[in-house]
């Protein structure tokens, strides 16, 4: 990961499949959330060290998502994610879902993740090193 996590972007490629389509003929809203989660997990899996992976598991506390345009069967999609600010036990992550053809923004999401202790399943604090790698500095006053 580069030294400034606020500028680091991680991407996964997605091909819209038949099971993603709802009765309105476009990708169902729940599928977008699955893509947001898939991008976050792929980023963590690719960038976290074995020690960091042993230190914490992650659960979602909140999703906020704004839908801009529909995705349709056969569309090639890119999910681009990056880290945001963190507090004592929450980490913001941002994701954009874009159609490759025309680089159209389809949805934008903010997810709040909470690290949990693998042995107890309870929220926990993480090392300062992990915090520096997977979050940005909070705004002054937060």
Protein backbone atom coordinates (compact mmCIF):
# COMPACT_ATOMS: atom_id res chain seq x y z
CA UNK A 1 0.00 0.00 0.00
CA UNK A 2 1.41 3.47 -0.77
CA UNK A 3 2.27 5.78 2.10
CA UNK A 4 -0.88 7.93 1.77
CA UNK A 5 -3.97 5.73 2.11
CA UNK A 6 -6.26 8.59 1.07
CA UNK A 7 -4.89 8.39 -2.50
CA UNK A 8 -4.76 4.58 -2.79
CA UNK A 9 -7.52 3.05 -4.94
CA UNK A 10 -8.21 -0.66 -5.26
CA UNK A 11 -10.35 -2.05 -8.08
CA UNK A 12 -12.14 -5.23 -8.97
CA UNK A 13 -13.75 -6.01 -12.30
CA UNK A 14 -17.33 -7.33 -12.39
CA UNK A 15 -19.41 -8.77 -15.22
CA UNK A 16 -23.16 -8.34 -14.69
CA UNK A 17 -24.79 -11.78 -14.73
CA UNK A 18 -28.37 -12.95 -15.19
CA UNK A 19 -28.88 -13.59 -11.48
CA UNK A 20 -28.02 -9.92 -10.77
CA UNK A 21 -31.06 -8.67 -12.72
CA UNK A 22 -34.40 -7.97 -11.05
CA UNK A 23 -37.94 -7.78 -12.47
CA UNK A 24 -37.28 -4.19 -13.64
CA UNK A 25 -34.56 -5.43 -15.99
CA UNK A 26 -31.59 -3.90 -14.16
CA UNK A 27 -29.19 -4.87 -11.39
CA UNK A 28 -30.99 -5.21 -8.07
CA UNK A 29 -29.98 -2.77 -5.30
CA UNK A 30 -28.86 -5.60 -3.03
CA UNK A 31 -26.35 -6.71 -5.67
CA UNK A 32 -24.66 -3.31 -5.54
CA UNK A 33 -24.14 -3.80 -1.80
CA UNK A 34 -22.67 -7.24 -2.44
CA UNK A 35 -20.24 -5.65 -4.91
CA UNK A 36 -19.29 -2.99 -2.33
CA UNK A 37 -18.54 -5.71 0.20
CA UNK A 38 -16.69 -7.84 -2.36
CA UNK A 39 -14.41 -4.92 -3.24
CA UNK A 40 -13.65 -4.21 0.43
CA UNK A 41 -12.85 -7.86 1.17
CA UNK A 42 -10.67 -8.15 -1.93
CA UNK A 43 -8.76 -5.02 -0.90
CA UNK A 44 -8.20 -6.34 2.62
CA UNK A 45 -7.17 -9.76 1.32
CA UNK A 46 -4.69 -8.24 -1.15
CA UNK A 47 -3.12 -5.61 1.13
CA UNK A 48 -3.26 -6.84 4.73
CA UNK A 49 -0.32 -8.75 6.10
CA UNK A 50 -0.81 -12.19 7.68
CA UNK A 51 -0.32 -10.57 11.10
CA UNK A 52 -3.00 -7.96 10.35
CA UNK A 53 -5.40 -10.64 9.12
CA UNK A 54 -4.85 -12.57 12.38
CA UNK A 55 -5.37 -9.40 14.43
CA UNK A 56 -8.94 -8.63 13.35
CA UNK A 57 -12.01 -9.73 11.49
CA UNK A 58 -14.40 -7.10 10.13
CA UNK A 59 -18.16 -6.57 10.27
CA UNK A 60 -20.30 -3.87 8.68
CA UNK A 61 -22.03 -1.44 11.02
CA UNK A 62 -23.55 0.78 8.33
CA UNK A 63 -23.94 1.16 4.58
CA UNK A 64 -24.91 4.40 2.85
CA UNK A 65 -25.40 4.12 -0.89
CA UNK A 66 -26.53 6.54 -3.56
CA UNK A 67 -27.75 5.02 -6.81
CA UNK A 68 -27.14 7.16 -9.92
CA UNK A 69 -27.73 4.97 -12.99
CA UNK A 70 -28.84 1.37 -13.55
CA UNK A 71 -26.52 -1.44 -14.59
CA UNK A 72 -27.85 -3.97 -17.08
CA UNK A 73 -27.14 -7.51 -18.16
CA UNK A 74 -23.78 -7.81 -19.88
CA UNK A 75 -22.36 -4.53 -18.52
CA UNK A 76 -18.73 -4.58 -17.48
CA UNK A 77 -18.41 -2.91 -14.09
CA UNK A 78 -15.50 -1.70 -12.00
CA UNK A 79 -15.82 -1.37 -8.23
CA UNK A 80 -13.22 1.09 -6.95
CA UNK A 81 -12.66 1.34 -3.17
CA UNK A 82 -10.49 3.37 -0.82
CA UNK A 83 -10.19 3.95 2.91
CA UNK A 84 -11.53 6.92 4.83
CA UNK A 85 -11.26 8.18 8.37
CA UNK A 86 -11.37 6.05 11.50
CA UNK A 87 -12.39 6.51 15.10
CA UNK A 88 -11.49 4.29 18.03
CA UNK A 89 -13.41 1.32 16.66
CA UNK A 90 -14.89 2.30 13.30
CA UNK A 91 -13.33 2.60 9.86
CA UNK A 92 -14.94 4.36 6.91
CA UNK A 93 -14.49 2.93 3.43
CA UNK A 94 -15.67 4.48 0.19
CA UNK A 95 -16.64 2.69 -3.00
CA UNK A 96 -17.67 3.76 -6.48
CA UNK A 97 -19.40 1.38 -8.85
CA UNK A 98 -18.82 2.44 -12.48
CA UNK A 99 -19.82 1.09 -15.87
CA UNK A 100 -16.61 0.63 -17.88
CA UNK A 101 -18.27 1.66 -21.15
CA UNK A 102 -18.37 5.45 -20.96
CA UNK A 103 -16.97 5.48 -17.39
CA UNK A 104 -20.46 6.11 -15.96
CA UNK A 105 -20.89 6.42 -12.18
CA UNK A 106 -23.64 3.96 -11.22
CA UNK A 107 -23.47 4.11 -7.42
CA UNK A 108 -21.37 5.60 -4.64
CA UNK A 109 -21.21 4.07 -1.16
CA UNK A 110 -19.78 4.75 2.27
CA UNK A 111 -19.48 1.77 4.58
CA UNK A 112 -18.59 1.81 8.27
CA UNK A 113 -16.58 -1.26 9.26
CA UNK A 114 -15.83 -2.41 12.81
CA UNK A 115 -12.83 -4.61 13.64
CA UNK A 116 -13.66 -7.51 15.91
CA UNK A 117 -11.55 -9.84 18.01
CA UNK A 118 -11.43 -13.20 16.19
CA UNK A 119 -11.64 -15.25 19.41
CA UNK A 120 -14.61 -13.38 20.96
CA UNK A 121 -16.41 -11.66 18.08
CA UNK A 122 -16.42 -8.43 20.10
CA UNK A 123 -15.36 -5.01 18.76
CA UNK A 124 -11.73 -4.18 19.39
CA UNK A 125 -9.08 -1.56 18.87
CA UNK A 126 -6.37 -2.29 16.33
CA UNK A 127 -2.68 -1.48 16.22
CA UNK A 128 -1.58 2.00 15.25
CA UNK A 129 0.24 0.51 12.26
CA UNK A 130 -2.96 -1.05 10.94
CA UNK A 131 -4.83 2.19 11.55
CA UNK A 132 -2.22 4.15 9.52
CA UNK A 133 -2.43 1.65 6.64
CA UNK A 134 -6.22 1.30 6.48
CA UNK A 135 -7.54 4.76 7.37
CA UNK A 136 -6.87 8.44 6.94
CA UNK A 137 -6.59 11.07 9.61
CA UNK A 138 -9.93 12.27 10.99
CA UNK A 139 -11.03 15.82 10.32
CA UNK A 140 -10.02 18.27 13.10
CA UNK A 141 -12.59 18.22 15.88
CA UNK A 142 -13.76 14.64 15.18
